[in-house]
Every structure is written in structure tokens, then in C-alpha cells.
């Protein structure tokens, strides 16, 4: 309640020009759009998927659920998956992983696509596609959206609105280059992967982690037959910053072994930080 006794309503959201409207392809060419009302019949248009080619021995059933590759605008493809009965029964609420690699909107023009959309157009295109993805995700699924600094901050807030903020998992930084870029004041060497899941923080329990490779497995042992499996030792000390006496102490393990901080980590007469 506020001081005036009025209960706050609504949620934090990102606003932009023409947010309440929708976009449809114009006849001017690729990446040419027109703003229309949400009630416009073309907004809800569902397009049939026409079979172009089949590889291997595939049946009619196979084309629905096995290695389906759709070529076309992402929004039309997603809407077909969520609206056509044969596909919606197979995909809505059942997709474990959605990976999106949209145009980053860097302001540049490339050979095969335009990457300089007006900001409100880019946000509307992303919102409408993310809404379709949200319908497809399984309760334990996740969506990963690839971007860079051009739209990263706005995209995160937009995804908060579409998927809900408490379903945010993490923003993964991918180092895409190791050489220096001296053109800007600070050269960017990484991209972002913004991750959301309907499971929210519980996604940790169902994530499908990659198996450790042989090199990593060598670092883990189980000399005490711990029922939780192999483990590896790591330092117990941590950086304490402006340390106080209460931050320095010995560690006693479940087996009763006492570990003191290593030599050289003493500060003001106290033993190293744990």
C-alpha cells in the first residue's frame, strides 16, 4: 500500500513508439514493414507449410515431428507451429530448447540482410516472435537469445515482460574473439546469450548438462567414497576486501580435520580469510 492507501497496479515495462500496434510486411521489399492495428486480419494470418523436399525415408508423420526444417520468416513459421493442428499438437508446450540469433540491429548493412532497423520496429519484431516462442516452450524448456551491446539492455527488459522477470536464468557471455579491436574506445570481444525458462530458478534441477570430457574428468576423484560422486578440492580462502577479525578463521571438515589458511595470507595478525 502507498501512503495514500492506493494499491499499486501494473508492472514495470519497456515502452516504445507504436508499441500497441503490429507490423506486417509491406510490398516495398525485404525488411519493409507497415504498422497496423492489432485487429487487422493480416496480423493473425496463418500460413500453410508446403513440403519442398524430403531427405531419406520419411513418412507423412515424420515430417511433423522429426528433423523439420522451415524456410521463411520466423514469425510465420512460429505461428504455423502454434496454430496448425498437426503441428501445435506436437510442439506447443513441448519444446525443450529455443535458440534465436536475430539481427543485432548494429546500424550496418550486410550483403544478405539489413541490420539497421528503426529501434521501435526491431523491438516490435522481437516481441511478436518471442510471444510465439513462449507458447512453444515446455515447462522445463529454455530460450536463449543471441545479441550484442546494440540491443542487449532493451532485449533483457523486453524478455522480462514476455517471459516474466522471475523466469530469468542468466546472461551468458560468449567470448567470440581474442584479438584486440582498436577501432572503438573499448573494443567489444564478446556477445550475449540471454536465457529464460518457464521453470525459473528450478531450471537448474532439469538442465541437461554436457558430459565432462576426459581432461576434465581427470580433475575429479572420490578418495573418501562420497555418495554424491567424484569431487575436486578447491582453495577455501576468499578475497575479504576490507577485512575484519571475524572474517578470519580455521575450517574444520566433517571428518574432523582442521585446515588453516596457507602461509602468507595473514593480515593484521589474523589468519587468512576463509
C-alpha atoms as a PDB file:
ATOM      1  CA  UNK A   1       0.000   0.000   0.000  1.00  0.00           C
ATOM      2  CA  UNK A   2       1.166   3.575  -0.636  1.00  0.00           C
ATOM      3  CA  UNK A   3       0.910   6.420   1.861  1.00  0.00           C
ATOM      4  CA  UNK A   4      -2.387   7.401   0.259  1.00  0.00           C
ATOM      5  CA  UNK A   5      -3.864   3.943   0.733  1.00  0.00           C
ATOM      6  CA  UNK A   6      -3.858   3.127  -3.022  1.00  0.00           C
ATOM      7  CA  UNK A   7      -2.542  -0.289  -4.014  1.00  0.00           C
ATOM      8  CA  UNK A   8      -0.026  -0.072  -6.903  1.00  0.00           C
ATOM      9  CA  UNK A   9      -1.121  -1.849 -10.067  1.00  0.00           C
ATOM     10  CA  UNK A  10       0.663  -2.875 -13.242  1.00  0.00           C
ATOM     11  CA  UNK A  11       4.238  -3.991 -13.853  1.00  0.00           C
ATOM     12  CA  UNK A  12       7.474  -2.419 -14.947  1.00  0.00           C
ATOM     13  CA  UNK A  13       7.662  -2.475 -18.733  1.00  0.00           C
ATOM     14  CA  UNK A  14       9.568  -1.072 -21.667  1.00  0.00           C
ATOM     15  CA  UNK A  15       7.683   1.363 -23.861  1.00  0.00           C
ATOM     16  CA  UNK A  16       8.430   2.454 -27.405  1.00  0.00           C
ATOM     17  CA  UNK A  17       6.803   4.199 -30.366  1.00  0.00           C
ATOM     18  CA  UNK A  18       3.774   2.285 -31.707  1.00  0.00           C
ATOM     19  CA  UNK A  19       4.150  -0.469 -29.135  1.00  0.00           C
ATOM     20  CA  UNK A  20       0.411  -1.205 -29.170  1.00  0.00           C
ATOM     21  CA  UNK A  21       0.480  -1.726 -32.962  1.00  0.00           C
ATOM     22  CA  UNK A  22       1.663  -4.669 -35.042  1.00  0.00           C
ATOM     23  CA  UNK A  23       3.893  -4.946 -38.089  1.00  0.00           C
ATOM     24  CA  UNK A  24       3.162  -6.647 -41.393  1.00  0.00           C
ATOM     25  CA  UNK A  25       5.380  -6.961 -44.429  1.00  0.00           C
ATOM     26  CA  UNK A  26       4.891  -4.187 -46.930  1.00  0.00           C
ATOM     27  CA  UNK A  27       5.243  -4.658 -50.668  1.00  0.00           C
ATOM     28  CA  UNK A  28       8.272  -2.408 -50.849  1.00  0.00           C
ATOM     29  CA  UNK A  29      10.760  -5.237 -50.454  1.00  0.00           C
ATOM     30  CA  UNK A  30      12.662  -7.144 -47.802  1.00  0.00           C
ATOM     31  CA  UNK A  31      12.641  -5.543 -44.328  1.00  0.00           C
ATOM     32  CA  UNK A  32       9.940  -3.109 -45.397  1.00  0.00           C
ATOM     33  CA  UNK A  33       7.092  -3.067 -42.858  1.00  0.00           C
ATOM     34  CA  UNK A  34       3.807  -1.264 -42.284  1.00  0.00           C
ATOM     35  CA  UNK A  35       2.163  -0.502 -38.934  1.00  0.00           C
ATOM     36  CA  UNK A  36      -1.381  -1.828 -38.498  1.00  0.00           C
ATOM     37  CA  UNK A  37      -3.904  -2.203 -35.707  1.00  0.00           C
ATOM     38  CA  UNK A  38      -3.817  -5.460 -33.706  1.00  0.00           C
ATOM     39  CA  UNK A  39      -7.316  -6.202 -35.024  1.00  0.00           C
ATOM     40  CA  UNK A  40      -6.115  -6.205 -38.666  1.00  0.00           C
ATOM     41  CA  UNK A  41      -6.887  -9.644 -40.111  1.00  0.00           C
ATOM     42  CA  UNK A  42      -3.398  -9.904 -41.576  1.00  0.00           C
ATOM     43  CA  UNK A  43      -1.849  -9.867 -38.103  1.00  0.00           C
ATOM     44  CA  UNK A  44      -3.295 -13.286 -37.286  1.00  0.00           C
ATOM     45  CA  UNK A  45      -2.615 -14.793 -40.710  1.00  0.00           C
ATOM     46  CA  UNK A  46      -1.554 -18.432 -40.515  1.00  0.00           C
ATOM     47  CA  UNK A  47       0.352 -19.796 -43.479  1.00  0.00           C
ATOM     48  CA  UNK A  48       0.375 -23.433 -44.524  1.00  0.00           C
ATOM     49  CA  UNK A  49       3.699 -25.229 -44.704  1.00  0.00           C
ATOM     50  CA  UNK A  50       4.343 -26.605 -48.171  1.00  0.00           C
ATOM     51  CA  UNK A  51       6.710 -29.549 -48.437  1.00  0.00           C
ATOM     52  CA  UNK A  52       9.711 -28.726 -50.607  1.00  0.00           C
ATOM     53  CA  UNK A  53      11.889 -31.784 -50.229  1.00  0.00           C
ATOM     54  CA  UNK A  54      12.215 -34.926 -48.109  1.00  0.00           C
ATOM     55  CA  UNK A  55      15.584 -36.444 -47.276  1.00  0.00           C
ATOM     56  CA  UNK A  56      15.704 -40.171 -46.544  1.00  0.00           C
ATOM     57  CA  UNK A  57      12.766 -42.491 -45.921  1.00  0.00           C
ATOM     58  CA  UNK A  58      10.226 -40.190 -44.310  1.00  0.00           C
ATOM     59  CA  UNK A  59       6.506 -40.736 -43.852  1.00  0.00           C
ATOM     60  CA  UNK A  60       3.756 -38.155 -43.537  1.00  0.00           C
ATOM     61  CA  UNK A  61       4.052 -38.440 -39.772  1.00  0.00           C
ATOM     62  CA  UNK A  62       7.815 -37.973 -39.841  1.00  0.00           C
ATOM     63  CA  UNK A  63       7.589 -34.545 -41.424  1.00  0.00           C
ATOM     64  CA  UNK A  64       5.677 -33.228 -38.447  1.00  0.00           C
ATOM     65  CA  UNK A  65       7.992 -34.244 -35.656  1.00  0.00           C
ATOM     66  CA  UNK A  66      11.348 -35.417 -36.988  1.00  0.00           C
ATOM     67  CA  UNK A  67      14.069 -33.007 -38.204  1.00  0.00           C
ATOM     68  CA  UNK A  68      11.654 -30.424 -39.535  1.00  0.00           C
ATOM     69  CA  UNK A  69      13.379 -27.514 -41.291  1.00  0.00           C
ATOM     70  CA  UNK A  70      11.215 -24.490 -42.147  1.00  0.00           C
ATOM     71  CA  UNK A  71      12.443 -21.851 -44.539  1.00  0.00           C
ATOM     72  CA  UNK A  72      10.781 -18.462 -44.322  1.00  0.00           C
ATOM     73  CA  UNK A  73      10.051 -15.540 -41.998  1.00  0.00           C
ATOM     74  CA  UNK A  74      10.433 -16.632 -38.385  1.00  0.00           C
ATOM     75  CA  UNK A  75       7.096 -15.147 -37.297  1.00  0.00           C
ATOM     76  CA  UNK A  76       5.121 -17.008 -39.970  1.00  0.00           C
ATOM     77  CA  UNK A  77       6.984 -20.233 -39.193  1.00  0.00           C
ATOM     78  CA  UNK A  78       6.393 -19.923 -35.449  1.00  0.00           C
ATOM     79  CA  UNK A  79       2.731 -19.027 -35.943  1.00  0.00           C
ATOM     80  CA  UNK A  80       2.271 -22.079 -38.161  1.00  0.00           C
ATOM     81  CA  UNK A  81       3.752 -24.305 -35.455  1.00  0.00           C
ATOM     82  CA  UNK A  82       1.478 -22.841 -32.791  1.00  0.00           C
ATOM     83  CA  UNK A  83      -1.715 -22.662 -34.890  1.00  0.00           C
ATOM     84  CA  UNK A  84      -1.876 -25.538 -37.389  1.00  0.00           C
ATOM     85  CA  UNK A  85      -3.427 -28.503 -35.520  1.00  0.00           C
ATOM     86  CA  UNK A  86      -0.982 -31.190 -36.693  1.00  0.00           C
ATOM     87  CA  UNK A  87       1.981 -29.077 -35.625  1.00  0.00           C
ATOM     88  CA  UNK A  88       0.559 -27.449 -32.489  1.00  0.00           C
ATOM     89  CA  UNK A  89      -0.218 -30.875 -31.014  1.00  0.00           C
ATOM     90  CA  UNK A  90       3.435 -31.801 -31.496  1.00  0.00           C
ATOM     91  CA  UNK A  91       5.167 -28.572 -30.444  1.00  0.00           C
ATOM     92  CA  UNK A  92       3.077 -26.255 -28.241  1.00  0.00           C
ATOM     93  CA  UNK A  93       4.338 -26.550 -24.675  1.00  0.00           C
ATOM     94  CA  UNK A  94       6.833 -29.274 -25.636  1.00  0.00           C
ATOM     95  CA  UNK A  95       9.937 -27.519 -26.997  1.00  0.00           C
ATOM     96  CA  UNK A  96      12.937 -28.048 -24.713  1.00  0.00           C
ATOM     97  CA  UNK A  97      15.269 -25.513 -26.323  1.00  0.00           C
ATOM     98  CA  UNK A  98      14.746 -22.430 -28.469  1.00  0.00           C
ATOM     99  CA  UNK A  99      17.807 -20.584 -29.760  1.00  0.00           C
ATOM    100  CA  UNK A 100      17.301 -17.252 -31.517  1.00  0.00           C
ATOM    101  CA  UNK A 101      20.020 -15.476 -33.487  1.00  0.00           C
ATOM    102  CA  UNK A 102      18.207 -12.346 -34.707  1.00  0.00           C
ATOM    103  CA  UNK A 103      19.751  -9.368 -36.495  1.00  0.00           C
ATOM    104  CA  UNK A 104      21.653  -7.479 -33.785  1.00  0.00           C
ATOM    105  CA  UNK A 105      20.499  -4.092 -35.146  1.00  0.00           C
ATOM    106  CA  UNK A 106      24.043  -2.789 -35.279  1.00  0.00           C
ATOM    107  CA  UNK A 107      23.160   0.000 -37.706  1.00  0.00           C
ATOM    108  CA  UNK A 108      25.100  -1.646 -40.532  1.00  0.00           C
ATOM    109  CA  UNK A 109      24.017  -3.115 -43.868  1.00  0.00           C
ATOM    110  CA  UNK A 110      25.239  -6.568 -44.871  1.00  0.00           C
ATOM    111  CA  UNK A 111      25.115  -8.438 -48.154  1.00  0.00           C
ATOM    112  CA  UNK A 112      22.138 -10.662 -47.296  1.00  0.00           C
ATOM    113  CA  UNK A 113      20.181  -8.589 -44.775  1.00  0.00           C
ATOM    114  CA  UNK A 114      19.595  -5.128 -43.378  1.00  0.00           C
ATOM    115  CA  UNK A 115      20.840  -4.663 -39.814  1.00  0.00           C
ATOM    116  CA  UNK A 116      19.767  -1.070 -39.316  1.00  0.00           C
ATOM    117  CA  UNK A 117      16.098  -1.201 -38.389  1.00  0.00           C
ATOM    118  CA  UNK A 118      14.414   1.688 -36.612  1.00  0.00           C
ATOM    119  CA  UNK A 119      14.505   0.888 -32.897  1.00  0.00           C
ATOM    120  CA  UNK A 120      10.750   0.564 -32.385  1.00  0.00           C
ATOM    121  CA  UNK A 121      10.468  -1.736 -35.410  1.00  0.00           C
ATOM    122  CA  UNK A 122      13.208  -4.029 -34.075  1.00  0.00           C
ATOM    123  CA  UNK A 123      11.565  -4.234 -30.643  1.00  0.00           C
ATOM    124  CA  UNK A 124       8.132  -4.993 -32.124  1.00  0.00           C
ATOM    125  CA  UNK A 125       9.526  -7.708 -34.390  1.00  0.00           C
ATOM    126  CA  UNK A 126      11.302  -9.313 -31.443  1.00  0.00           C
ATOM    127  CA  UNK A 127       8.308  -9.091 -29.110  1.00  0.00           C
ATOM    128  CA  UNK A 128       5.912 -10.758 -31.535  1.00  0.00           C
ATOM    129  CA  UNK A 129       8.335 -13.601 -32.209  1.00  0.00           C
ATOM    130  CA  UNK A 130       9.187 -14.107 -28.540  1.00  0.00           C
ATOM    131  CA  UNK A 131       5.482 -14.385 -27.719  1.00  0.00           C
ATOM    132  CA  UNK A 132       5.187 -17.288 -30.136  1.00  0.00           C
ATOM    133  CA  UNK A 133       8.309 -18.915 -28.685  1.00  0.00           C
ATOM    134  CA  UNK A 134       6.828 -18.587 -25.192  1.00  0.00           C
ATOM    135  CA  UNK A 135       3.853 -20.686 -26.303  1.00  0.00           C
ATOM    136  CA  UNK A 136       6.122 -23.411 -27.627  1.00  0.00           C
ATOM    137  CA  UNK A 137       8.362 -23.836 -24.580  1.00  0.00           C
ATOM    138  CA  UNK A 138       7.973 -26.867 -22.351  1.00  0.00           C
ATOM    139  CA  UNK A 139       7.720 -26.258 -18.581  1.00  0.00           C
ATOM    140  CA  UNK A 140      11.348 -27.391 -18.259  1.00  0.00           C
ATOM    141  CA  UNK A 141      12.481 -25.800 -21.537  1.00  0.00           C
ATOM    142  CA  UNK A 142      14.607 -22.707 -22.070  1.00  0.00           C
ATOM    143  CA  UNK A 143      15.075 -19.940 -24.615  1.00  0.00           C
ATOM    144  CA  UNK A 144      18.474 -18.483 -25.493  1.00  0.00           C
ATOM    145  CA  UNK A 145      18.615 -15.221 -27.467  1.00  0.00           C
ATOM    146  CA  UNK A 146      21.923 -14.179 -29.026  1.00  0.00           C
ATOM    147  CA  UNK A 147      22.730 -10.454 -29.210  1.00  0.00           C
ATOM    148  CA  UNK A 148      25.422  -7.853 -28.646  1.00  0.00           C
ATOM    149  CA  UNK A 149      25.594  -4.435 -26.997  1.00  0.00           C
ATOM    150  CA  UNK A 150      23.466  -2.821 -29.713  1.00  0.00           C
ATOM    151  CA  UNK A 151      20.184  -4.011 -28.146  1.00  0.00           C
ATOM    152  CA  UNK A 152      21.193  -6.171 -25.174  1.00  0.00           C
ATOM    153  CA  UNK A 153      19.822  -3.903 -22.434  1.00  0.00           C
ATOM    154  CA  UNK A 154      16.482  -3.351 -24.172  1.00  0.00           C
ATOM    155  CA  UNK A 155      16.138  -7.002 -25.115  1.00  0.00           C
ATOM    156  CA  UNK A 156      16.552  -8.117 -21.499  1.00  0.00           C
ATOM    157  CA  UNK A 157      13.737  -5.836 -20.321  1.00  0.00           C
ATOM    158  CA  UNK A 158      11.551  -6.929 -23.250  1.00  0.00           C
ATOM    159  CA  UNK A 159      12.098 -10.570 -22.330  1.00  0.00           C
ATOM    160  CA  UNK A 160      11.241  -9.763 -18.703  1.00  0.00           C
ATOM    161  CA  UNK A 161       7.873  -8.601 -19.995  1.00  0.00           C
ATOM    162  CA  UNK A 162       7.234 -11.552 -22.321  1.00  0.00           C
ATOM    163  CA  UNK A 163       8.506 -14.403 -20.127  1.00  0.00           C
ATOM    164  CA  UNK A 164       8.216 -12.703 -16.684  1.00  0.00           C
ATOM    165  CA  UNK A 165      11.184 -11.469 -14.735  1.00  0.00           C
ATOM    166  CA  UNK A 166      11.283 -14.321 -12.215  1.00  0.00           C
ATOM    167  CA  UNK A 167      11.910 -16.729 -15.105  1.00  0.00           C
ATOM    168  CA  UNK A 168      15.229 -15.135 -15.984  1.00  0.00           C
ATOM    169  CA  UNK A 169      18.081 -17.646 -15.662  1.00  0.00           C
ATOM    170  CA  UNK A 170      21.261 -15.784 -16.635  1.00  0.00           C
ATOM    171  CA  UNK A 171      23.057 -13.714 -19.233  1.00  0.00           C
ATOM    172  CA  UNK A 172      25.869 -15.816 -20.676  1.00  0.00           C
ATOM    173  CA  UNK A 173      28.914 -14.023 -22.073  1.00  0.00           C
ATOM    174  CA  UNK A 174      30.489 -15.709 -25.081  1.00  0.00           C
ATOM    175  CA  UNK A 175      33.981 -14.551 -25.981  1.00  0.00           C
ATOM    176  CA  UNK A 176      33.807 -14.517 -29.754  1.00  0.00           C
ATOM    177  CA  UNK A 177      37.252 -13.116 -30.476  1.00  0.00           C
ATOM    178  CA  UNK A 178      40.634 -12.978 -28.765  1.00  0.00           C
ATOM    179  CA  UNK A 179      42.379 -10.339 -30.871  1.00  0.00           C
ATOM    180  CA  UNK A 180      42.057  -6.682 -29.941  1.00  0.00           C
ATOM    181  CA  UNK A 181      39.690  -4.306 -31.715  1.00  0.00           C
ATOM    182  CA  UNK A 182      41.205  -0.811 -31.592  1.00  0.00           C
ATOM    183  CA  UNK A 183      38.501   0.950 -33.626  1.00  0.00           C
ATOM    184  CA  UNK A 184      36.186   1.887 -30.702  1.00  0.00           C
ATOM    185  CA  UNK A 185      37.265   3.369 -27.378  1.00  0.00           C
ATOM    186  CA  UNK A 186      36.726  -0.026 -25.749  1.00  0.00           C
ATOM    187  CA  UNK A 187      36.805  -2.975 -28.120  1.00  0.00           C
ATOM    188  CA  UNK A 188      33.998  -5.498 -27.621  1.00  0.00           C
ATOM    189  CA  UNK A 189      35.175  -9.098 -27.759  1.00  0.00           C
ATOM    190  CA  UNK A 190      32.054 -10.875 -26.551  1.00  0.00           C
ATOM    191  CA  UNK A 191      28.373 -11.422 -27.354  1.00  0.00           C
ATOM    192  CA  UNK A 192      25.481 -12.185 -25.008  1.00  0.00           C
ATOM    193  CA  UNK A 193      23.093 -15.114 -24.664  1.00  0.00           C
ATOM    194  CA  UNK A 194      20.063 -14.088 -22.593  1.00  0.00           C
ATOM    195  CA  UNK A 195      18.478 -17.177 -21.046  1.00  0.00           C
ATOM    196  CA  UNK A 196      14.923 -17.586 -19.729  1.00  0.00           C
ATOM    197  CA  UNK A 197      12.982 -20.666 -18.664  1.00  0.00           C
ATOM    198  CA  UNK A 198       9.356 -21.247 -17.577  1.00  0.00           C
ATOM    199  CA  UNK A 199      10.876 -23.156 -14.643  1.00  0.00           C
ATOM    200  CA  UNK A 200      12.714 -20.070 -13.411  1.00  0.00           C
ATOM    201  CA  UNK A 201      15.303 -20.898 -10.752  1.00  0.00           C
ATOM    202  CA  UNK A 202      14.089 -24.526 -10.729  1.00  0.00           C
ATOM    203  CA  UNK A 203      15.519 -24.960 -14.241  1.00  0.00           C
ATOM    204  CA  UNK A 204      18.813 -25.800 -12.527  1.00  0.00           C
ATOM    205  CA  UNK A 205      17.276 -29.130 -11.476  1.00  0.00           C
ATOM    206  CA  UNK A 206      16.346 -30.184 -15.017  1.00  0.00           C
ATOM    207  CA  UNK A 207      19.040 -28.614 -17.199  1.00  0.00           C
ATOM    208  CA  UNK A 208      20.745 -31.074 -19.494  1.00  0.00           C
ATOM    209  CA  UNK A 209      24.407 -30.506 -18.802  1.00  0.00           C
ATOM    210  CA  UNK A 210      27.138 -31.591 -21.195  1.00  0.00           C
ATOM    211  CA  UNK A 211      29.214 -34.542 -20.045  1.00  0.00           C
ATOM    212  CA  UNK A 212      32.727 -33.715 -18.857  1.00  0.00           C
ATOM    213  CA  UNK A 213      35.442 -34.548 -21.341  1.00  0.00           C
ATOM    214  CA  UNK A 214      38.375 -36.827 -20.496  1.00  0.00           C
ATOM    215  CA  UNK A 215      40.608 -33.917 -19.467  1.00  0.00           C
ATOM    216  CA  UNK A 216      38.020 -32.543 -17.042  1.00  0.00           C
ATOM    217  CA  UNK A 217      37.221 -35.952 -15.570  1.00  0.00           C
ATOM    218  CA  UNK A 218      40.851 -36.380 -14.508  1.00  0.00           C
ATOM    219  CA  UNK A 219      40.435 -33.451 -12.100  1.00  0.00           C
ATOM    220  CA  UNK A 220      37.714 -35.260 -10.101  1.00  0.00           C
ATOM    221  CA  UNK A 221      38.309 -38.104  -7.631  1.00  0.00           C
ATOM    222  CA  UNK A 222      36.417 -39.782  -4.832  1.00  0.00           C
ATOM    223  CA  UNK A 223      39.021 -40.994  -2.310  1.00  0.00           C
ATOM    224  CA  UNK A 224      36.527 -40.936   0.590  1.00  0.00           C
ATOM    225  CA  UNK A 225      33.727 -42.723  -1.306  1.00  0.00           C
ATOM    226  CA  UNK A 226      31.410 -39.744  -1.053  1.00  0.00           C
ATOM    227  CA  UNK A 227      27.913 -40.928  -2.078  1.00  0.00           C
ATOM    228  CA  UNK A 228      27.466 -37.776  -4.156  1.00  0.00           C
ATOM    229  CA  UNK A 229      30.204 -38.911  -6.525  1.00  0.00           C
ATOM    230  CA  UNK A 230      33.621 -37.627  -7.659  1.00  0.00           C
ATOM    231  CA  UNK A 231      34.775 -34.227  -6.457  1.00  0.00           C
ATOM    232  CA  UNK A 232      37.816 -31.994  -6.592  1.00  0.00           C
ATOM    233  CA  UNK A 233      39.430 -29.809  -3.958  1.00  0.00           C
ATOM    234  CA  UNK A 234      39.466 -26.031  -4.336  1.00  0.00           C
ATOM    235  CA  UNK A 235      41.011 -23.324  -2.109  1.00  0.00           C
ATOM    236  CA  UNK A 236      38.963 -22.408   0.968  1.00  0.00           C
ATOM    237  CA  UNK A 237      40.285 -18.850   1.152  1.00  0.00           C
ATOM    238  CA  UNK A 238      38.414 -15.964  -0.476  1.00  0.00           C
ATOM    239  CA  UNK A 239      39.173 -12.295  -1.008  1.00  0.00           C
ATOM    240  CA  UNK A 240      37.944 -10.391   2.038  1.00  0.00           C
ATOM    241  CA  UNK A 241      38.335  -6.784   0.897  1.00  0.00           C
ATOM    242  CA  UNK A 242      38.452  -4.541   3.975  1.00  0.00           C
ATOM    243  CA  UNK A 243      38.810  -7.461   6.338  1.00  0.00           C
ATOM    244  CA  UNK A 244      37.843  -7.616   9.998  1.00  0.00           C
ATOM    245  CA  UNK A 245      38.935 -10.100  12.633  1.00  0.00           C
ATOM    246  CA  UNK A 246      35.632 -12.005  12.333  1.00  0.00           C
ATOM    247  CA  UNK A 247      36.410 -12.831   8.715  1.00  0.00           C
ATOM    248  CA  UNK A 248      39.476 -14.923   9.541  1.00  0.00           C
ATOM    249  CA  UNK A 249      39.127 -18.418  10.933  1.00  0.00           C
ATOM    250  CA  UNK A 250      40.104 -22.054  10.575  1.00  0.00           C
ATOM    251  CA  UNK A 251      37.934 -24.608   8.767  1.00  0.00           C
ATOM    252  CA  UNK A 252      37.031 -27.968  10.303  1.00  0.00           C
ATOM    253  CA  UNK A 253      35.881 -30.608   7.813  1.00  0.00           C
ATOM    254  CA  UNK A 254      33.161 -33.226   8.520  1.00  0.00           C
ATOM    255  CA  UNK A 255      35.984 -35.698   9.111  1.00  0.00           C
ATOM    256  CA  UNK A 256      37.382 -33.504  11.902  1.00  0.00           C
ATOM    257  CA  UNK A 257      40.437 -32.263  10.010  1.00  0.00           C
ATOM    258  CA  UNK A 258      41.342 -28.642  10.751  1.00  0.00           C
ATOM    259  CA  UNK A 259      42.576 -26.523   7.830  1.00  0.00           C
ATOM    260  CA  UNK A 260      44.392 -23.255   8.415  1.00  0.00           C
ATOM    261  CA  UNK A 261      44.938 -20.638   5.705  1.00  0.00           C
ATOM    262  CA  UNK A 262      48.238 -21.039   3.830  1.00  0.00           C
ATOM    263  CA  UNK A 263      51.330 -19.136   4.823  1.00  0.00           C
ATOM    264  CA  UNK A 264      51.465 -15.615   3.500  1.00  0.00           C
ATOM    265  CA  UNK A 265      47.736 -14.987   3.813  1.00  0.00           C
ATOM    266  CA  UNK A 266      47.876 -13.415   7.275  1.00  0.00           C
ATOM    267  CA  UNK A 267      46.566  -9.883   7.686  1.00  0.00           C
ATOM    268  CA  UNK A 268      46.867  -7.673  10.797  1.00  0.00           C
ATOM    269  CA  UNK A 269      47.855 -10.660  12.888  1.00  0.00           C
ATOM    270  CA  UNK A 270      44.815 -12.724  11.872  1.00  0.00           C
ATOM    271  CA  UNK A 271      44.897 -15.839   9.736  1.00  0.00           C
ATOM    272  CA  UNK A 272      43.820 -15.660   6.104  1.00  0.00           C
ATOM    273  CA  UNK A 273      40.220 -15.166   5.004  1.00  0.00           C
ATOM    274  CA  UNK A 274      38.039 -18.220   4.504  1.00  0.00           C
END
